[in-house]
Amino acid sequence: MDEDAAEEFLVTGHVAGNETLYKEIKQVKAGEMARVGTRVNKSGGINALRYFSYRRGMEIH
């Protein structure tokens, strides 16, 4: 268990960013997807890619 994440969860009801209640398990954030590659990189072959970014004040037509 990640003690800081557990405390954050108790106060807010969620854990921010890519953290979870467990140090060795990460999550993708809103607007991201996980890409699992065949080449091993520093993060073990898994990357989070942002596919959407909300910008305040943009009009959609």
PDB file of N, CA and C in Angstrom:
ATOM      1  N   MET A   1       0.845  -1.197   0.000  1.00  0.00           N
ATOM      2  CA  MET A   1       0.000   0.000   0.000  1.00  0.00           C
ATOM      3  C   MET A   1       0.880   1.246   0.000  1.00  0.00           C
ATOM      4  N   ASP A   2       0.397   2.256  -0.667  1.00  0.00           N
ATOM      5  CA  ASP A   2       1.048   3.563  -0.665  1.00  0.00           C
ATOM      6  C   ASP A   2       0.328   4.397   0.391  1.00  0.00           C
ATOM      7  N   GLU A   3       1.003   4.677   1.477  1.00  0.00           N
ATOM      8  CA  GLU A   3       0.380   5.382   2.613  1.00  0.00           C
ATOM      9  C   GLU A   3      -0.131   6.766   2.219  1.00  0.00           C
ATOM     10  N   ASP A   4       0.633   7.509   1.405  1.00  0.00           N
ATOM     11  CA  ASP A   4       0.209   8.844   0.972  1.00  0.00           C
ATOM     12  C   ASP A   4      -1.044   8.765   0.099  1.00  0.00           C
ATOM     13  N   ALA A   5      -1.064   7.803  -0.821  1.00  0.00           N
ATOM     14  CA  ALA A   5      -2.222   7.630  -1.693  1.00  0.00           C
ATOM     15  C   ALA A   5      -3.452   7.215  -0.891  1.00  0.00           C
ATOM     16  N   ALA A   6      -3.262   6.362   0.112  1.00  0.00           N
ATOM     17  CA  ALA A   6      -4.377   5.930   0.951  1.00  0.00           C
ATOM     18  C   ALA A   6      -4.962   7.115   1.720  1.00  0.00           C
ATOM     19  N   GLU A   7      -4.103   7.975   2.231  1.00  0.00           N
ATOM     20  CA  GLU A   7      -4.573   9.162   2.947  1.00  0.00           C
ATOM     21  C   GLU A   7      -5.317  10.107   2.007  1.00  0.00           C
ATOM     22  N   GLU A   8      -4.780  10.288   0.793  1.00  0.00           N
ATOM     23  CA  GLU A   8      -5.445  11.128  -0.210  1.00  0.00           C
ATOM     24  C   GLU A   8      -6.815  10.557  -0.561  1.00  0.00           C
ATOM     25  N   PHE A   9      -6.901   9.241  -0.706  1.00  0.00           N
ATOM     26  CA  PHE A   9      -8.168   8.590  -1.029  1.00  0.00           C
ATOM     27  C   PHE A   9      -9.196   8.789   0.084  1.00  0.00           C
ATOM     28  N   LEU A  10      -8.767   8.681   1.323  1.00  0.00           N
ATOM     29  CA  LEU A  10      -9.690   8.857   2.447  1.00  0.00           C
ATOM     30  C   LEU A  10     -10.234  10.289   2.516  1.00  0.00           C
ATOM     31  N   VAL A  11      -9.416  11.260   2.146  1.00  0.00           N
ATOM     32  CA  VAL A  11      -9.827  12.665   2.214  1.00  0.00           C
ATOM     33  C   VAL A  11     -10.667  13.068   1.008  1.00  0.00           C
ATOM     34  N   THR A  12     -10.258  12.633  -0.207  1.00  0.00           N
ATOM     35  CA  THR A  12     -10.908  13.124  -1.431  1.00  0.00           C
ATOM     36  C   THR A  12     -11.815  12.116  -2.123  1.00  0.00           C
ATOM     37  N   GLY A  13     -11.633  10.829  -1.832  1.00  0.00           N
ATOM     38  CA  GLY A  13     -12.427   9.808  -2.507  1.00  0.00           C
ATOM     39  C   GLY A  13     -11.787   9.289  -3.779  1.00  0.00           C
ATOM     40  N   HIS A  14     -10.590   9.794  -4.121  1.00  0.00           N
ATOM     41  CA  HIS A  14      -9.860   9.290  -5.291  1.00  0.00           C
ATOM     42  C   HIS A  14      -8.372   9.565  -5.108  1.00  0.00           C
ATOM     43  N   VAL A  15      -7.570   9.005  -6.002  1.00  0.00           N
ATOM     44  CA  VAL A  15      -6.131   9.246  -6.009  1.00  0.00           C
ATOM     45  C   VAL A  15      -5.806   9.957  -7.314  1.00  0.00           C
ATOM     46  N   ALA A  16      -5.141  11.094  -7.239  1.00  0.00           N
ATOM     47  CA  ALA A  16      -4.874  11.929  -8.412  1.00  0.00           C
ATOM     48  C   ALA A  16      -3.736  11.380  -9.268  1.00  0.00           C
ATOM     49  N   GLY A  17      -3.708  11.864 -10.509  1.00  0.00           N
ATOM     50  CA  GLY A  17      -2.624  11.507 -11.421  1.00  0.00           C
ATOM     51  C   GLY A  17      -2.668  10.059 -11.834  1.00  0.00           C
ATOM     52  N   ASN A  18      -1.497   9.483 -12.020  1.00  0.00           N
ATOM     53  CA  ASN A  18      -1.447   8.083 -12.446  1.00  0.00           C
ATOM     54  C   ASN A  18      -1.205   7.138 -11.270  1.00  0.00           C
ATOM     55  N   GLU A  19      -1.276   7.643 -10.056  1.00  0.00           N
ATOM     56  CA  GLU A  19      -1.053   6.832  -8.862  1.00  0.00           C
ATOM     57  C   GLU A  19      -2.299   6.006  -8.522  1.00  0.00           C
ATOM     58  N   THR A  20      -2.091   4.929  -7.763  1.00  0.00           N
ATOM     59  CA  THR A  20      -3.184   4.125  -7.210  1.00  0.00           C
ATOM     60  C   THR A  20      -2.866   3.867  -5.742  1.00  0.00           C
ATOM     61  N   LEU A  21      -3.674   3.083  -5.083  1.00  0.00           N
ATOM     62  CA  LEU A  21      -3.417   2.762  -3.686  1.00  0.00           C
ATOM     63  C   LEU A  21      -2.197   1.865  -3.508  1.00  0.00           C
ATOM     64  N   TYR A  22      -1.713   1.286  -4.594  1.00  0.00           N
ATOM     65  CA  TYR A  22      -0.549   0.399  -4.556  1.00  0.00           C
ATOM     66  C   TYR A  22       0.601   1.022  -5.323  1.00  0.00           C
ATOM     67  N   LYS A  23       1.783   1.062  -4.736  1.00  0.00           N
ATOM     68  CA  LYS A  23       2.938   1.721  -5.342  1.00  0.00           C
ATOM     69  C   LYS A  23       3.317   1.138  -6.700  1.00  0.00           C
ATOM     70  N   GLU A  24       3.181  -0.170  -6.870  1.00  0.00           N
ATOM     71  CA  GLU A  24       3.631  -0.811  -8.098  1.00  0.00           C
ATOM     72  C   GLU A  24       2.575  -0.840  -9.204  1.00  0.00           C
ATOM     73  N   ILE A  25       1.386  -0.327  -8.952  1.00  0.00           N
ATOM     74  CA  ILE A  25       0.314  -0.310  -9.951  1.00  0.00           C
ATOM     75  C   ILE A  25      -0.026   1.134 -10.294  1.00  0.00           C
ATOM     76  N   LYS A  26      -0.009   1.447 -11.577  1.00  0.00           N
ATOM     77  CA  LYS A  26      -0.335   2.793 -12.065  1.00  0.00           C
ATOM     78  C   LYS A  26      -1.624   2.727 -12.876  1.00  0.00           C
ATOM     79  N   GLN A  27      -2.220   3.896 -13.120  1.00  0.00           N
ATOM     80  CA  GLN A  27      -3.444   3.956 -13.913  1.00  0.00           C
ATOM     81  C   GLN A  27      -3.291   4.999 -15.010  1.00  0.00           C
ATOM     82  N   VAL A  28      -4.099   4.873 -16.062  1.00  0.00           N
ATOM     83  CA  VAL A  28      -4.116   5.916 -17.081  1.00  0.00           C
ATOM     84  C   VAL A  28      -5.086   6.992 -16.633  1.00  0.00           C
ATOM     85  N   LYS A  29      -4.784   8.230 -16.991  1.00  0.00           N
ATOM     86  CA  LYS A  29      -5.627   9.356 -16.610  1.00  0.00           C
ATOM     87  C   LYS A  29      -6.675   9.605 -17.695  1.00  0.00           C
ATOM     88  N   ALA A  30      -7.640  10.442 -17.397  1.00  0.00           N
ATOM     89  CA  ALA A  30      -8.665  10.803 -18.374  1.00  0.00           C
ATOM     90  C   ALA A  30      -7.989  11.396 -19.606  1.00  0.00           C
ATOM     91  N   GLY A  31      -8.419  10.971 -20.787  1.00  0.00           N
ATOM     92  CA  GLY A  31      -7.832  11.457 -22.023  1.00  0.00           C
ATOM     93  C   GLY A  31      -6.558  10.740 -22.417  1.00  0.00           C
ATOM     94  N   GLU A  32      -6.224   9.646 -21.753  1.00  0.00           N
ATOM     95  CA  GLU A  32      -5.036   8.871 -22.085  1.00  0.00           C
ATOM     96  C   GLU A  32      -5.417   7.439 -22.431  1.00  0.00           C
ATOM     97  N   MET A  33      -4.504   6.768 -23.119  1.00  0.00           N
ATOM     98  CA  MET A  33      -4.667   5.349 -23.378  1.00  0.00           C
ATOM     99  C   MET A  33      -3.329   4.680 -23.105  1.00  0.00           C
ATOM    100  N   ALA A  34      -3.363   3.405 -22.783  1.00  0.00           N
ATOM    101  CA  ALA A  34      -2.138   2.657 -22.541  1.00  0.00           C
ATOM    102  C   ALA A  34      -1.714   1.985 -23.833  1.00  0.00           C
ATOM    103  N   ARG A  35      -0.434   2.121 -24.176  1.00  0.00           N
ATOM    104  CA  ARG A  35       0.098   1.451 -25.353  1.00  0.00           C
ATOM    105  C   ARG A  35       1.155   0.462 -24.884  1.00  0.00           C
ATOM    106  N   VAL A  36       0.962  -0.777 -25.246  1.00  0.00           N
ATOM    107  CA  VAL A  36       1.918  -1.822 -24.885  1.00  0.00           C
ATOM    108  C   VAL A  36       2.718  -2.142 -26.134  1.00  0.00           C
ATOM    109  N   GLY A  37       4.008  -1.891 -26.070  1.00  0.00           N
ATOM    110  CA  GLY A  37       4.873  -2.114 -27.227  1.00  0.00           C
ATOM    111  C   GLY A  37       5.645  -3.412 -27.125  1.00  0.00           C
ATOM    112  N   THR A  38       6.234  -3.802 -28.239  1.00  0.00           N
ATOM    113  CA  THR A  38       7.047  -5.009 -28.259  1.00  0.00           C
ATOM    114  C   THR A  38       8.487  -4.709 -27.876  1.00  0.00           C
ATOM    115  N   ARG A  39       8.898  -3.447 -27.965  1.00  0.00           N
ATOM    116  CA  ARG A  39      10.238  -3.053 -27.556  1.00  0.00           C
ATOM    117  C   ARG A  39      10.221  -2.644 -26.089  1.00  0.00           C
ATOM    118  N   VAL A  40      11.185  -3.094 -25.356  1.00  0.00           N
ATOM    119  CA  VAL A  40      11.265  -2.752 -23.935  1.00  0.00           C
ATOM    120  C   VAL A  40      11.918  -1.386 -23.800  1.00  0.00           C
ATOM    121  N   ASN A  41      11.309  -0.501 -23.010  1.00  0.00           N
ATOM    122  CA  ASN A  41      11.903   0.804 -22.739  1.00  0.00           C
ATOM    123  C   ASN A  41      12.056   0.969 -21.234  1.00  0.00           C
ATOM    124  N   LYS A  42      12.364   2.169 -20.793  1.00  0.00           N
ATOM    125  CA  LYS A  42      12.605   2.415 -19.374  1.00  0.00           C
ATOM    126  C   LYS A  42      11.416   2.054 -18.497  1.00  0.00           C
ATOM    127  N   SER A  43      10.200   2.200 -19.014  1.00  0.00           N
ATOM    128  CA  SER A  43       9.021   1.902 -18.212  1.00  0.00           C
ATOM    129  C   SER A  43       8.510   0.473 -18.445  1.00  0.00           C
ATOM    130  N   GLY A  44       9.320  -0.367 -19.047  1.00  0.00           N
ATOM    131  CA  GLY A  44       8.936  -1.762 -19.212  1.00  0.00           C
ATOM    132  C   GLY A  44       8.112  -2.046 -20.449  1.00  0.00           C
ATOM    133  N   GLY A  45       8.056  -1.128 -21.403  1.00  0.00           N
ATOM    134  CA  GLY A  45       7.336  -1.366 -22.645  1.00  0.00           C
ATOM    135  C   GLY A  45       5.915  -0.850 -22.653  1.00  0.00           C
ATOM    136  N   ILE A  46       5.486  -0.173 -21.599  1.00  0.00           N
ATOM    137  CA  ILE A  46       4.127   0.368 -21.536  1.00  0.00           C
ATOM    138  C   ILE A  46       4.215   1.886 -21.422  1.00  0.00           C
ATOM    139  N   ASN A  47       3.493   2.583 -22.291  1.00  0.00           N
ATOM    140  CA  ASN A  47       3.473   4.043 -22.278  1.00  0.00           C
ATOM    141  C   ASN A  47       2.049   4.551 -22.162  1.00  0.00           C
ATOM    142  N   ALA A  48       1.874   5.709 -21.529  1.00  0.00           N
ATOM    143  CA  ALA A  48       0.581   6.388 -21.519  1.00  0.00           C
ATOM    144  C   ALA A  48       0.633   7.469 -22.584  1.00  0.00           C
ATOM    145  N   LEU A  49      -0.306   7.452 -23.508  1.00  0.00           N
ATOM    146  CA  LEU A  49      -0.371   8.436 -24.581  1.00  0.00           C
ATOM    147  C   LEU A  49      -1.618   9.289 -24.418  1.00  0.00           C
ATOM    148  N   ARG A  50      -1.465  10.597 -24.477  1.00  0.00           N
ATOM    149  CA  ARG A  50      -2.609  11.502 -24.378  1.00  0.00           C
ATOM    150  C   ARG A  50      -3.265  11.613 -25.744  1.00  0.00           C
ATOM    151  N   TYR A  51      -4.567  11.316 -25.827  1.00  0.00           N
ATOM    152  CA  TYR A  51      -5.299  11.420 -27.081  1.00  0.00           C
ATOM    153  C   TYR A  51      -6.296  12.567 -27.064  1.00  0.00           C
ATOM    154  N   PHE A  52      -6.505  13.183 -25.903  1.00  0.00           N
ATOM    155  CA  PHE A  52      -7.438  14.294 -25.810  1.00  0.00           C
ATOM    156  C   PHE A  52      -6.964  15.250 -24.740  1.00  0.00           C
ATOM    157  N   SER A  53      -7.114  16.530 -25.000  1.00  0.00           N
ATOM    158  CA  SER A  53      -6.768  17.552 -24.020  1.00  0.00           C
ATOM    159  C   SER A  53      -7.843  18.627 -24.066  1.00  0.00           C
ATOM    160  N   TYR A  54      -8.510  18.848 -22.957  1.00  0.00           N
ATOM    161  CA  TYR A  54      -9.566  19.847 -22.880  1.00  0.00           C
ATOM    162  C   TYR A  54      -8.945  21.221 -22.660  1.00  0.00           C
ATOM    163  N   ARG A  55      -9.334  22.166 -23.463  1.00  0.00           N
ATOM    164  CA  ARG A  55      -8.883  23.538 -23.287  1.00  0.00           C
ATOM    165  C   ARG A  55     -10.074  24.429 -23.047  1.00  0.00           C
ATOM    166  N   ARG A  56     -10.065  25.074 -21.909  1.00  0.00           N
ATOM    167  CA  ARG A  56     -11.172  25.955 -21.540  1.00  0.00           C
ATOM    168  C   ARG A  56     -11.315  27.100 -22.527  1.00  0.00           C
ATOM    169  N   GLY A  57     -12.541  27.444 -22.863  1.00  0.00           N
ATOM    170  CA  GLY A  57     -12.817  28.577 -23.727  1.00  0.00           C
ATOM    171  C   GLY A  57     -12.863  28.238 -25.205  1.00  0.00           C
ATOM    172  N   MET A  58     -12.583  26.986 -25.553  1.00  0.00           N
ATOM    173  CA  MET A  58     -12.646  26.611 -26.970  1.00  0.00           C
ATOM    174  C   MET A  58     -14.097  26.360 -27.365  1.00  0.00           C
ATOM    175  N   GLU A  59     -14.488  26.904 -28.489  1.00  0.00           N
ATOM    176  CA  GLU A  59     -15.835  26.651 -28.980  1.00  0.00           C
ATOM    177  C   GLU A  59     -15.814  25.479 -29.942  1.00  0.00           C
ATOM    178  N   ILE A  60     -16.789  24.613 -29.813  1.00  0.00           N
ATOM    179  CA  ILE A  60     -16.917  23.473 -30.717  1.00  0.00           C
ATOM    180  C   ILE A  60     -18.110  23.725 -31.617  1.00  0.00           C
ATOM    181  N   HIS A  61     -17.892  23.638 -32.908  1.00  0.00           N
ATOM    182  CA  HIS A  61     -18.966  23.875 -33.878  1.00  0.00           C
ATOM    183  C   HIS A  61     -19.380  22.587 -34.518  1.00  0.00           C
TER     184      HIS A  61
END
